[in-house]
Amino acid sequence: MPPLLCRIGLHRWKNYGQRVFIVWKEPGLLPGLKTERRKHVFAERSCLRCGVKQKRLFTENIDGTSAAAGWERVDNSS
């Protein structure tokens, strides 16, 4: 049974794996303008309390850069 904090969704994540450079756009200060953000992120993470592992999903932008699209749970039953 996972700890109480993990059951309510407050995991304690440890990032690891391959480092990926992602690029995304956010709304700017003025309507119609967008600011471009860039960041290095890790491709995987695991909870230090309950051991749940997740893998980051990436999509490719039109210009060929990567963007983060969410997380996918990794099964430990292999």
C-alpha atoms as a PDB file:
ATOM      1  CA  MET A   1       0.000   0.000   0.000  1.00  0.00           C
ATOM      2  CA  PRO A   2       1.525   3.375  -1.030  1.00  0.00           C
ATOM      3  CA  PRO A   3       2.164   6.059   1.595  1.00  0.00           C
ATOM      4  CA  LEU A   4      -0.642   8.513   2.382  1.00  0.00           C
ATOM      5  CA  LEU A   5       0.949  11.448   0.539  1.00  0.00           C
ATOM      6  CA  CYS A   6       1.338   9.388  -2.645  1.00  0.00           C
ATOM      7  CA  ARG A   7      -2.297   8.242  -2.473  1.00  0.00           C
ATOM      8  CA  ILE A   8      -3.465  11.872  -2.556  1.00  0.00           C
ATOM      9  CA  GLY A   9      -1.081  12.708  -5.421  1.00  0.00           C
ATOM     10  CA  LEU A  10       1.825  14.363  -3.583  1.00  0.00           C
ATOM     11  CA  HIS A  11       4.694  12.266  -4.882  1.00  0.00           C
ATOM     12  CA  ARG A  12       8.346  13.062  -4.224  1.00  0.00           C
ATOM     13  CA  TRP A  13       9.922  12.843  -7.690  1.00  0.00           C
ATOM     14  CA  LYS A  14      13.512  12.085  -8.625  1.00  0.00           C
ATOM     15  CA  ASN A  15      14.328  12.941 -12.244  1.00  0.00           C
ATOM     16  CA  TYR A  16      16.764  10.767 -14.196  1.00  0.00           C
ATOM     17  CA  GLY A  17      17.469   9.425 -17.676  1.00  0.00           C
ATOM     18  CA  GLN A  18      18.343  11.205 -20.876  1.00  0.00           C
ATOM     19  CA  ARG A  19      18.429  15.026 -20.908  1.00  0.00           C
ATOM     20  CA  VAL A  20      16.314  16.534 -23.689  1.00  0.00           C
ATOM     21  CA  PHE A  21      16.184  20.166 -24.855  1.00  0.00           C
ATOM     22  CA  ILE A  22      12.547  21.283 -25.286  1.00  0.00           C
ATOM     23  CA  VAL A  23      11.040  24.450 -26.769  1.00  0.00           C
ATOM     24  CA  TRP A  24       7.499  25.769 -26.285  1.00  0.00           C
ATOM     25  CA  LYS A  25       5.578  29.026 -26.666  1.00  0.00           C
ATOM     26  CA  GLU A  26       3.525  30.823 -24.019  1.00  0.00           C
ATOM     27  CA  PRO A  27       1.165  33.786 -24.353  1.00  0.00           C
ATOM     28  CA  GLY A  28       2.977  37.102 -24.062  1.00  0.00           C
ATOM     29  CA  LEU A  29       2.111  40.298 -22.233  1.00  0.00           C
ATOM     30  CA  LEU A  30       0.159  41.699 -25.206  1.00  0.00           C
ATOM     31  CA  PRO A  31      -2.642  39.728 -26.878  1.00  0.00           C
ATOM     32  CA  GLY A  32      -1.450  37.972 -30.021  1.00  0.00           C
ATOM     33  CA  LEU A  33       2.215  37.886 -29.003  1.00  0.00           C
ATOM     34  CA  LYS A  34       3.909  34.716 -27.816  1.00  0.00           C
ATOM     35  CA  THR A  35       7.184  34.239 -25.974  1.00  0.00           C
ATOM     36  CA  GLU A  36       9.381  31.264 -26.712  1.00  0.00           C
ATOM     37  CA  ARG A  37      10.669  29.233 -23.758  1.00  0.00           C
ATOM     38  CA  ARG A  38      13.588  26.768 -23.821  1.00  0.00           C
ATOM     39  CA  LYS A  39      14.648  24.267 -21.175  1.00  0.00           C
ATOM     40  CA  HIS A  40      16.621  21.063 -20.576  1.00  0.00           C
ATOM     41  CA  VAL A  41      14.489  18.323 -18.965  1.00  0.00           C
ATOM     42  CA  PHE A  42      15.002  14.696 -17.980  1.00  0.00           C
ATOM     43  CA  ALA A  43      13.088  11.990 -19.846  1.00  0.00           C
ATOM     44  CA  GLU A  44      12.106   9.854 -16.815  1.00  0.00           C
ATOM     45  CA  ARG A  45      11.187  10.191 -13.138  1.00  0.00           C
ATOM     46  CA  SER A  46      10.368   7.949 -10.192  1.00  0.00           C
ATOM     47  CA  CYS A  47       8.737   8.528  -6.804  1.00  0.00           C
ATOM     48  CA  LEU A  48      11.117   8.096  -3.889  1.00  0.00           C
ATOM     49  CA  ARG A  49       8.277   7.044  -1.554  1.00  0.00           C
ATOM     50  CA  CYS A  50       6.188   4.543  -3.507  1.00  0.00           C
ATOM     51  CA  GLY A  51       8.418   3.646  -6.479  1.00  0.00           C
ATOM     52  CA  VAL A  52       6.043   4.695  -9.294  1.00  0.00           C
ATOM     53  CA  LYS A  53       7.969   5.334 -12.526  1.00  0.00           C
ATOM     54  CA  GLN A  54       6.934   7.645 -15.360  1.00  0.00           C
ATOM     55  CA  LYS A  55       8.363   8.408 -18.783  1.00  0.00           C
ATOM     56  CA  ARG A  56       7.969  11.819 -20.458  1.00  0.00           C
ATOM     57  CA  LEU A  57       6.185  11.935 -23.823  1.00  0.00           C
ATOM     58  CA  PHE A  58       7.614  14.249 -26.481  1.00  0.00           C
ATOM     59  CA  THR A  59       6.181  15.699 -29.681  1.00  0.00           C
ATOM     60  CA  GLU A  60       8.078  17.253 -32.543  1.00  0.00           C
ATOM     61  CA  ASN A  61       7.400  20.907 -33.407  1.00  0.00           C
ATOM     62  CA  ILE A  62       7.131  22.145 -36.990  1.00  0.00           C
ATOM     63  CA  ASP A  63      10.668  23.540 -36.869  1.00  0.00           C
ATOM     64  CA  GLY A  64      12.116  20.178 -35.740  1.00  0.00           C
ATOM     65  CA  THR A  65      12.538  20.907 -32.012  1.00  0.00           C
ATOM     66  CA  SER A  66      10.953  18.799 -29.264  1.00  0.00           C
ATOM     67  CA  ALA A  67       8.148  19.756 -26.880  1.00  0.00           C
ATOM     68  CA  ALA A  68       6.923  17.934 -23.774  1.00  0.00           C
ATOM     69  CA  ALA A  69       3.445  16.424 -24.153  1.00  0.00           C
ATOM     70  CA  GLY A  70       2.857  14.733 -20.799  1.00  0.00           C
ATOM     71  CA  TRP A  71       3.764  11.645 -18.781  1.00  0.00           C
ATOM     72  CA  GLU A  72       3.224   7.925 -19.338  1.00  0.00           C
ATOM     73  CA  ARG A  73       3.332   5.394 -16.484  1.00  0.00           C
ATOM     74  CA  VAL A  74       5.954   2.657 -16.820  1.00  0.00           C
ATOM     75  CA  ASP A  75       4.929  -0.853 -15.687  1.00  0.00           C
ATOM     76  CA  ASN A  76       7.298  -2.544 -13.247  1.00  0.00           C
ATOM     77  CA  SER A  77       6.034  -6.047 -14.148  1.00  0.00           C
ATOM     78  CA  SER A  78       8.717  -6.869 -16.723  1.00  0.00           C
END
